[in-house]
Amino acid sequence: MLSLQLPLALSSFLAATVLPLASELSVGAVILAGENPWLTLAVASTGNTAGAIVNWWLGGYLLQYQDARWFPVSQEQLSRAQQRFQRYGVWSLLLAWLPLVGDPLTFAAGILKVRLPVFVLLAGAGKCARYAVVIFVLGN
């Protein structure tokens, strides 16, 4: 049923933004409805990675306003994020799927100007692996 894939894509996309959504529930519902697991993995991973790219872009775009009062990250937080990225490197983007940590991580990657291909590869790999585990658990 391809009719379930569009809502899955939207759910996965929105879950990668600051909205408090759990796209794993959507993936689970689609799998339990009998959808193709490979298509479900591709749709959910692509949607979630696209949402993370929006966060990355926002981080990079909003950096020009870092001295404005409304800027969502203080200079201290920005400095800590830079130190963590220097300590753990871009490999930390493999954890972009984690609740509470992933969305700020993708935003920080944009602020810190992580190159988009590297960002997509690492963040996307982590997100894909997470969905693969959900699908595997539900499929067995």
N, C-alpha and C. Protein backbone atom coordinates (compact mmCIF):
# COMPACT_ATOMS: atom_id res chain seq x y z
N MET A 1 0.83 -1.19 0.00
CA MET A 1 0.00 0.00 0.00
C MET A 1 0.87 1.24 0.00
N LEU A 2 1.06 1.83 -1.12
CA LEU A 2 1.85 3.06 -1.20
C LEU A 2 1.15 4.21 -0.50
N SER A 3 -0.14 4.09 -0.23
CA SER A 3 -0.86 5.17 0.43
C SER A 3 -0.32 5.43 1.84
N LEU A 4 0.31 4.45 2.46
CA LEU A 4 0.87 4.63 3.80
C LEU A 4 2.26 5.27 3.75
N GLN A 5 2.91 5.24 2.59
CA GLN A 5 4.28 5.74 2.51
C GLN A 5 4.35 7.27 2.57
N LEU A 6 3.37 7.96 2.02
CA LEU A 6 3.39 9.44 2.06
C LEU A 6 3.24 9.95 3.49
N PRO A 7 2.27 9.45 4.27
CA PRO A 7 2.24 9.88 5.68
C PRO A 7 3.51 9.49 6.45
N LEU A 8 4.09 8.36 6.11
CA LEU A 8 5.33 7.95 6.75
C LEU A 8 6.45 8.94 6.44
N ALA A 9 6.55 9.34 5.19
CA ALA A 9 7.58 10.31 4.79
C ALA A 9 7.38 11.63 5.56
N LEU A 10 6.16 12.09 5.64
CA LEU A 10 5.86 13.33 6.35
C LEU A 10 6.17 13.20 7.84
N SER A 11 5.75 12.10 8.44
CA SER A 11 6.01 11.86 9.86
C SER A 11 7.51 11.81 10.14
N SER A 12 8.24 11.12 9.29
CA SER A 12 9.69 11.00 9.47
C SER A 12 10.38 12.34 9.30
N PHE A 13 9.92 13.11 8.33
CA PHE A 13 10.48 14.45 8.11
C PHE A 13 10.25 15.33 9.33
N LEU A 14 9.00 15.40 9.78
CA LEU A 14 8.66 16.28 10.90
C LEU A 14 9.33 15.83 12.19
N ALA A 15 9.52 14.53 12.37
CA ALA A 15 10.17 14.03 13.58
C ALA A 15 11.62 14.47 13.68
N ALA A 16 12.23 14.82 12.56
CA ALA A 16 13.63 15.28 12.57
C ALA A 16 13.74 16.77 12.87
N THR A 17 12.61 17.44 12.97
CA THR A 17 12.62 18.85 13.33
C THR A 17 12.43 18.95 14.83
N VAL A 18 12.17 20.14 15.31
CA VAL A 18 12.00 20.34 16.75
C VAL A 18 10.65 19.86 17.26
N LEU A 19 9.78 19.38 16.37
CA LEU A 19 8.49 18.87 16.81
C LEU A 19 8.66 17.56 17.58
N PRO A 20 7.94 17.40 18.66
CA PRO A 20 8.10 16.18 19.47
C PRO A 20 7.32 15.00 18.90
N LEU A 21 7.83 14.42 17.84
CA LEU A 21 7.20 13.28 17.19
C LEU A 21 8.14 12.08 17.25
N ALA A 22 7.55 10.89 17.33
CA ALA A 22 8.34 9.66 17.32
C ALA A 22 8.02 8.90 16.05
N SER A 23 8.86 9.04 15.05
CA SER A 23 8.59 8.42 13.76
C SER A 23 8.70 6.90 13.81
N GLU A 24 9.34 6.37 14.84
CA GLU A 24 9.43 4.91 14.98
C GLU A 24 8.03 4.29 15.08
N LEU A 25 7.11 5.03 15.70
CA LEU A 25 5.74 4.54 15.79
C LEU A 25 5.11 4.44 14.40
N SER A 26 5.37 5.42 13.56
CA SER A 26 4.85 5.40 12.20
C SER A 26 5.46 4.24 11.40
N VAL A 27 6.76 4.05 11.56
CA VAL A 27 7.44 2.95 10.87
C VAL A 27 6.83 1.63 11.33
N GLY A 28 6.65 1.49 12.62
CA GLY A 28 6.05 0.27 13.15
C GLY A 28 4.66 0.02 12.61
N ALA A 29 3.85 1.06 12.55
CA ALA A 29 2.48 0.91 12.04
C ALA A 29 2.48 0.49 10.57
N VAL A 30 3.37 1.07 9.79
CA VAL A 30 3.45 0.75 8.37
C VAL A 30 3.93 -0.69 8.18
N ILE A 31 4.90 -1.11 8.95
CA ILE A 31 5.39 -2.50 8.85
C ILE A 31 4.30 -3.48 9.28
N LEU A 32 3.63 -3.19 10.38
CA LEU A 32 2.57 -4.08 10.86
C LEU A 32 1.38 -4.13 9.90
N ALA A 33 1.24 -3.10 9.05
CA ALA A 33 0.18 -3.09 8.04
C ALA A 33 0.57 -3.92 6.82
N GLY A 34 1.80 -4.45 6.83
CA GLY A 34 2.21 -5.34 5.75
C GLY A 34 2.95 -4.67 4.61
N GLU A 35 3.42 -3.46 4.81
CA GLU A 35 4.18 -2.76 3.76
C GLU A 35 5.54 -3.42 3.53
N ASN A 36 6.09 -3.17 2.37
CA ASN A 36 7.41 -3.66 2.01
C ASN A 36 8.45 -3.05 2.97
N PRO A 37 9.21 -3.87 3.67
CA PRO A 37 10.17 -3.33 4.64
C PRO A 37 11.28 -2.50 4.01
N TRP A 38 11.72 -2.87 2.81
CA TRP A 38 12.79 -2.11 2.16
C TRP A 38 12.31 -0.73 1.73
N LEU A 39 11.09 -0.67 1.20
CA LEU A 39 10.52 0.62 0.82
C LEU A 39 10.28 1.47 2.05
N THR A 40 9.79 0.84 3.10
CA THR A 40 9.55 1.57 4.35
C THR A 40 10.86 2.13 4.90
N LEU A 41 11.92 1.34 4.88
CA LEU A 41 13.22 1.80 5.34
C LEU A 41 13.71 2.99 4.52
N ALA A 42 13.57 2.89 3.21
CA ALA A 42 14.02 3.97 2.33
C ALA A 42 13.22 5.25 2.54
N VAL A 43 11.91 5.11 2.65
CA VAL A 43 11.05 6.29 2.81
C VAL A 43 11.30 6.97 4.15
N ALA A 44 11.32 6.18 5.23
CA ALA A 44 11.52 6.75 6.56
C ALA A 44 12.90 7.38 6.69
N SER A 45 13.92 6.71 6.19
CA SER A 45 15.29 7.23 6.28
C SER A 45 15.46 8.51 5.47
N THR A 46 14.89 8.52 4.27
CA THR A 46 14.98 9.71 3.42
C THR A 46 14.24 10.88 4.04
N GLY A 47 13.02 10.64 4.52
CA GLY A 47 12.25 11.71 5.14
C GLY A 47 12.93 12.27 6.37
N ASN A 48 13.45 11.40 7.22
CA ASN A 48 14.09 11.84 8.46
C ASN A 48 15.39 12.57 8.17
N THR A 49 16.14 12.09 7.19
CA THR A 49 17.38 12.78 6.82
C THR A 49 17.09 14.14 6.20
N ALA A 50 16.03 14.23 5.40
CA ALA A 50 15.64 15.52 4.83
C ALA A 50 15.27 16.52 5.92
N GLY A 51 14.57 16.06 6.95
CA GLY A 51 14.25 16.94 8.07
C GLY A 51 15.50 17.40 8.79
N ALA A 52 16.48 16.52 8.93
CA ALA A 52 17.74 16.88 9.56
C ALA A 52 18.51 17.91 8.71
N ILE A 53 18.39 17.79 7.40
CA ILE A 53 19.04 18.77 6.52
C ILE A 53 18.43 20.15 6.74
N VAL A 54 17.13 20.22 6.98
CA VAL A 54 16.49 21.51 7.28
C VAL A 54 17.11 22.10 8.55
N ASN A 55 17.28 21.27 9.59
CA ASN A 55 17.91 21.75 10.82
C ASN A 55 19.33 22.24 10.54
N TRP A 56 20.09 21.47 9.77
CA TRP A 56 21.45 21.84 9.41
C TRP A 56 21.46 23.19 8.69
N TRP A 57 20.57 23.35 7.73
CA TRP A 57 20.48 24.61 6.98
C TRP A 57 20.12 25.77 7.90
N LEU A 58 19.14 25.55 8.78
CA LEU A 58 18.74 26.61 9.72
C LEU A 58 19.91 27.02 10.60
N GLY A 59 20.66 26.05 11.09
CA GLY A 59 21.82 26.36 11.90
C GLY A 59 22.81 27.24 11.16
N GLY A 60 23.11 26.87 9.94
CA GLY A 60 24.05 27.65 9.14
C GLY A 60 23.51 29.02 8.78
N TYR A 61 22.22 29.09 8.46
CA TYR A 61 21.60 30.36 8.08
C TYR A 61 21.51 31.31 9.27
N LEU A 62 21.08 30.79 10.39
CA LEU A 62 20.87 31.64 11.56
C LEU A 62 22.16 32.10 12.21
N LEU A 63 23.29 31.49 11.86
CA LEU A 63 24.56 31.87 12.46
C LEU A 63 24.87 33.35 12.23
N GLN A 64 24.41 33.89 11.14
CA GLN A 64 24.67 35.30 10.86
C GLN A 64 24.00 36.22 11.88
N TYR A 65 23.05 35.68 12.63
CA TYR A 65 22.33 36.45 13.63
C TYR A 65 22.78 36.11 15.06
N GLN A 66 23.95 35.51 15.20
CA GLN A 66 24.38 35.02 16.50
C GLN A 66 24.50 36.11 17.56
N ASP A 67 24.61 37.36 17.16
CA ASP A 67 24.71 38.45 18.14
C ASP A 67 23.34 39.03 18.50
N ALA A 68 22.30 38.56 17.84
CA ALA A 68 20.95 39.05 18.15
C ALA A 68 20.45 38.43 19.45
N ARG A 69 19.62 39.16 20.16
CA ARG A 69 19.07 38.67 21.44
C ARG A 69 18.28 37.39 21.29
N TRP A 70 17.56 37.26 20.19
CA TRP A 70 16.67 36.12 20.01
C TRP A 70 17.38 34.86 19.52
N PHE A 71 18.67 34.97 19.22
CA PHE A 71 19.40 33.80 18.70
C PHE A 71 19.27 32.65 19.70
N PRO A 72 18.87 31.46 19.21
CA PRO A 72 18.51 30.36 20.13
C PRO A 72 19.68 29.71 20.87
N VAL A 73 20.90 30.09 20.54
CA VAL A 73 22.07 29.47 21.17
C VAL A 73 22.96 30.59 21.73
N SER A 74 23.27 30.50 23.02
CA SER A 74 24.14 31.51 23.62
C SER A 74 25.58 31.30 23.14
N GLN A 75 26.40 32.31 23.32
CA GLN A 75 27.81 32.18 22.94
C GLN A 75 28.47 31.04 23.72
N GLU A 76 28.08 30.87 24.97
CA GLU A 76 28.63 29.80 25.79
C GLU A 76 28.23 28.43 25.24
N GLN A 77 26.95 28.28 24.87
CA GLN A 77 26.48 27.02 24.29
C GLN A 77 27.17 26.74 22.96
N LEU A 78 27.33 27.78 22.17
CA LEU A 78 28.00 27.63 20.87
C LEU A 78 29.45 27.21 21.07
N SER A 79 30.10 27.80 22.04
CA SER A 79 31.49 27.44 22.33
C SER A 79 31.59 25.99 22.80
N ARG A 80 30.66 25.56 23.68
CA ARG A 80 30.65 24.16 24.14
C ARG A 80 30.41 23.20 22.99
N ALA A 81 29.48 23.57 22.11
CA ALA A 81 29.19 22.71 20.95
C ALA A 81 30.42 22.58 20.07
N GLN A 82 31.13 23.67 19.87
CA GLN A 82 32.35 23.62 19.06
C GLN A 82 33.40 22.74 19.72
N GLN A 83 33.53 22.84 21.03
CA GLN A 83 34.50 22.00 21.75
C GLN A 83 34.13 20.53 21.64
N ARG A 84 32.84 20.21 21.77
CA ARG A 84 32.40 18.81 21.66
C ARG A 84 32.64 18.28 20.26
N PHE A 85 32.33 19.11 19.26
CA PHE A 85 32.56 18.67 17.89
C PHE A 85 34.04 18.44 17.65
N GLN A 86 34.89 19.31 18.20
CA GLN A 86 36.32 19.11 18.04
C GLN A 86 36.78 17.86 18.79
N ARG A 87 36.16 17.59 19.93
CA ARG A 87 36.53 16.41 20.72
C ARG A 87 36.06 15.12 20.07
N TYR A 88 34.78 15.08 19.68
CA TYR A 88 34.19 13.85 19.14
C TYR A 88 34.17 13.83 17.62
N GLY A 89 34.31 14.98 17.01
CA GLY A 89 34.34 15.06 15.56
C GLY A 89 32.97 14.86 14.93
N VAL A 90 32.98 14.85 13.62
CA VAL A 90 31.73 14.71 12.88
C VAL A 90 31.10 13.34 13.08
N TRP A 91 31.89 12.38 13.60
CA TRP A 91 31.35 11.04 13.84
C TRP A 91 30.19 11.07 14.82
N SER A 92 30.11 12.10 15.62
CA SER A 92 28.99 12.22 16.55
C SER A 92 27.66 12.34 15.81
N LEU A 93 27.70 12.71 14.54
CA LEU A 93 26.48 12.81 13.75
C LEU A 93 25.81 11.46 13.54
N LEU A 94 26.54 10.38 13.76
CA LEU A 94 25.92 9.05 13.71
C LEU A 94 24.85 8.91 14.79
N LEU A 95 24.90 9.79 15.79
CA LEU A 95 23.93 9.77 16.88
C LEU A 95 22.80 10.79 16.68
N ALA A 96 22.67 11.32 15.48
CA ALA A 96 21.64 12.32 15.20
C ALA A 96 20.23 11.77 15.34
N TRP A 97 20.08 10.48 15.45
CA TRP A 97 18.75 9.86 15.59
C TRP A 97 18.28 9.85 17.04
N LEU A 98 19.17 10.12 17.98
CA LEU A 98 18.80 10.04 19.40
C LEU A 98 17.77 11.09 19.80
N PRO A 99 16.79 10.70 20.59
CA PRO A 99 15.83 11.68 21.10
C PRO A 99 16.54 12.72 21.97
N LEU A 100 16.05 13.93 21.92
CA LEU A 100 16.54 15.07 22.70
C LEU A 100 17.93 15.56 22.29
N VAL A 101 18.77 14.70 21.80
CA VAL A 101 20.14 15.07 21.44
C VAL A 101 20.27 15.31 19.94
N GLY A 102 19.55 14.52 19.15
CA GLY A 102 19.73 14.53 17.70
C GLY A 102 19.38 15.85 17.03
N ASP A 103 18.25 16.44 17.38
CA ASP A 103 17.84 17.68 16.73
C ASP A 103 18.82 18.82 17.01
N PRO A 104 19.20 19.05 18.27
CA PRO A 104 20.22 20.08 18.51
C PRO A 104 21.56 19.77 17.85
N LEU A 105 21.89 18.49 17.75
CA LEU A 105 23.13 18.09 17.12
C LEU A 105 23.14 18.46 15.64
N THR A 106 22.02 18.24 14.96
CA THR A 106 21.96 18.58 13.53
C THR A 106 21.96 20.10 13.33
N PHE A 107 21.33 20.82 14.25
CA PHE A 107 21.34 22.28 14.20
C PHE A 107 22.77 22.79 14.43
N ALA A 108 23.45 22.22 15.42
CA ALA A 108 24.83 22.62 15.71
C ALA A 108 25.75 22.31 14.54
N ALA A 109 25.50 21.21 13.84
CA ALA A 109 26.33 20.87 12.68
C ALA A 109 26.24 21.96 11.61
N GLY A 110 25.05 22.53 11.45
CA GLY A 110 24.90 23.64 10.52
C GLY A 110 25.63 24.88 10.99
N ILE A 111 25.51 25.18 12.28
CA ILE A 111 26.20 26.34 12.85
C ILE A 111 27.71 26.19 12.68
N LEU A 112 28.18 24.96 12.89
CA LEU A 112 29.62 24.70 12.83
C LEU A 112 30.12 24.42 11.41
N LYS A 113 29.21 24.57 10.45
CA LYS A 113 29.55 24.47 9.03
C LYS A 113 30.13 23.12 8.62
N VAL A 114 29.55 22.04 9.15
CA VAL A 114 29.91 20.71 8.69
C VAL A 114 29.48 20.61 7.23
N ARG A 115 30.34 20.11 6.39
CA ARG A 115 30.02 20.01 4.96
C ARG A 115 28.80 19.12 4.76
N LEU A 116 27.90 19.55 3.87
CA LEU A 116 26.63 18.85 3.66
C LEU A 116 26.81 17.38 3.28
N PRO A 117 27.70 17.02 2.34
CA PRO A 117 27.83 15.59 2.02
C PRO A 117 28.23 14.74 3.23
N VAL A 118 29.13 15.25 4.05
CA VAL A 118 29.56 14.53 5.25
C VAL A 118 28.38 14.42 6.21
N PHE A 119 27.67 15.52 6.38
CA PHE A 119 26.49 15.54 7.26
C PHE A 119 25.46 14.51 6.82
N VAL A 120 25.12 14.52 5.55
CA VAL A 120 24.09 13.61 5.03
C VAL A 120 24.53 12.15 5.19
N LEU A 121 25.78 11.87 4.89
CA LEU A 121 26.28 10.51 5.00
C LEU A 121 26.20 9.99 6.44
N LEU A 122 26.70 10.77 7.38
CA LEU A 122 26.77 10.31 8.77
C LEU A 122 25.40 10.34 9.46
N ALA A 123 24.72 11.47 9.36
CA ALA A 123 23.40 11.55 10.01
C ALA A 123 22.44 10.56 9.36
N GLY A 124 22.48 10.46 8.05
CA GLY A 124 21.60 9.54 7.34
C GLY A 124 21.88 8.09 7.68
N ALA A 125 23.16 7.74 7.84
CA ALA A 125 23.51 6.36 8.19
C ALA A 125 22.97 5.99 9.56
N GLY A 126 23.10 6.89 10.52
CA GLY A 126 22.58 6.63 11.85
C GLY A 126 21.07 6.49 11.86
N LYS A 127 20.40 7.35 11.13
CA LYS A 127 18.94 7.30 11.05
C LYS A 127 18.46 6.02 10.36
N CYS A 128 19.14 5.65 9.30
CA CYS A 128 18.79 4.43 8.57
C CYS A 128 18.99 3.20 9.46
N ALA A 129 20.08 3.17 10.19
CA ALA A 129 20.35 2.04 11.08
C ALA A 129 19.27 1.91 12.15
N ARG A 130 18.84 3.03 12.68
CA ARG A 130 17.78 3.01 13.69
C ARG A 130 16.50 2.41 13.14
N TYR A 131 16.08 2.86 11.95
CA TYR A 131 14.86 2.32 11.34
C TYR A 131 15.02 0.85 10.96
N ALA A 132 16.22 0.48 10.55
CA ALA A 132 16.47 -0.93 10.21
C ALA A 132 16.27 -1.82 11.44
N VAL A 133 16.71 -1.35 12.59
CA VAL A 133 16.52 -2.12 13.82
C VAL A 133 15.04 -2.24 14.14
N VAL A 134 14.29 -1.14 14.03
CA VAL A 134 12.84 -1.17 14.30
C VAL A 134 12.16 -2.16 13.36
N ILE A 135 12.49 -2.08 12.09
CA ILE A 135 11.86 -2.97 11.10
C ILE A 135 12.24 -4.42 11.35
N PHE A 136 13.49 -4.67 11.68
CA PHE A 136 13.94 -6.04 11.95
C PHE A 136 13.21 -6.62 13.16
N VAL A 137 13.11 -5.83 14.22
CA VAL A 137 12.45 -6.30 15.44
C VAL A 137 10.98 -6.62 15.16
N LEU A 138 10.31 -5.77 14.42
CA LEU A 138 8.89 -5.99 14.14
C LEU A 138 8.66 -7.06 13.09
N GLY A 139 9.64 -7.28 12.23
CA GLY A 139 9.48 -8.26 11.16
C GLY A 139 9.75 -9.69 11.60
N ASN A 140 10.31 -9.86 12.77
CA ASN A 140 10.64 -11.21 13.26
C ASN A 140 9.76 -11.63 14.41
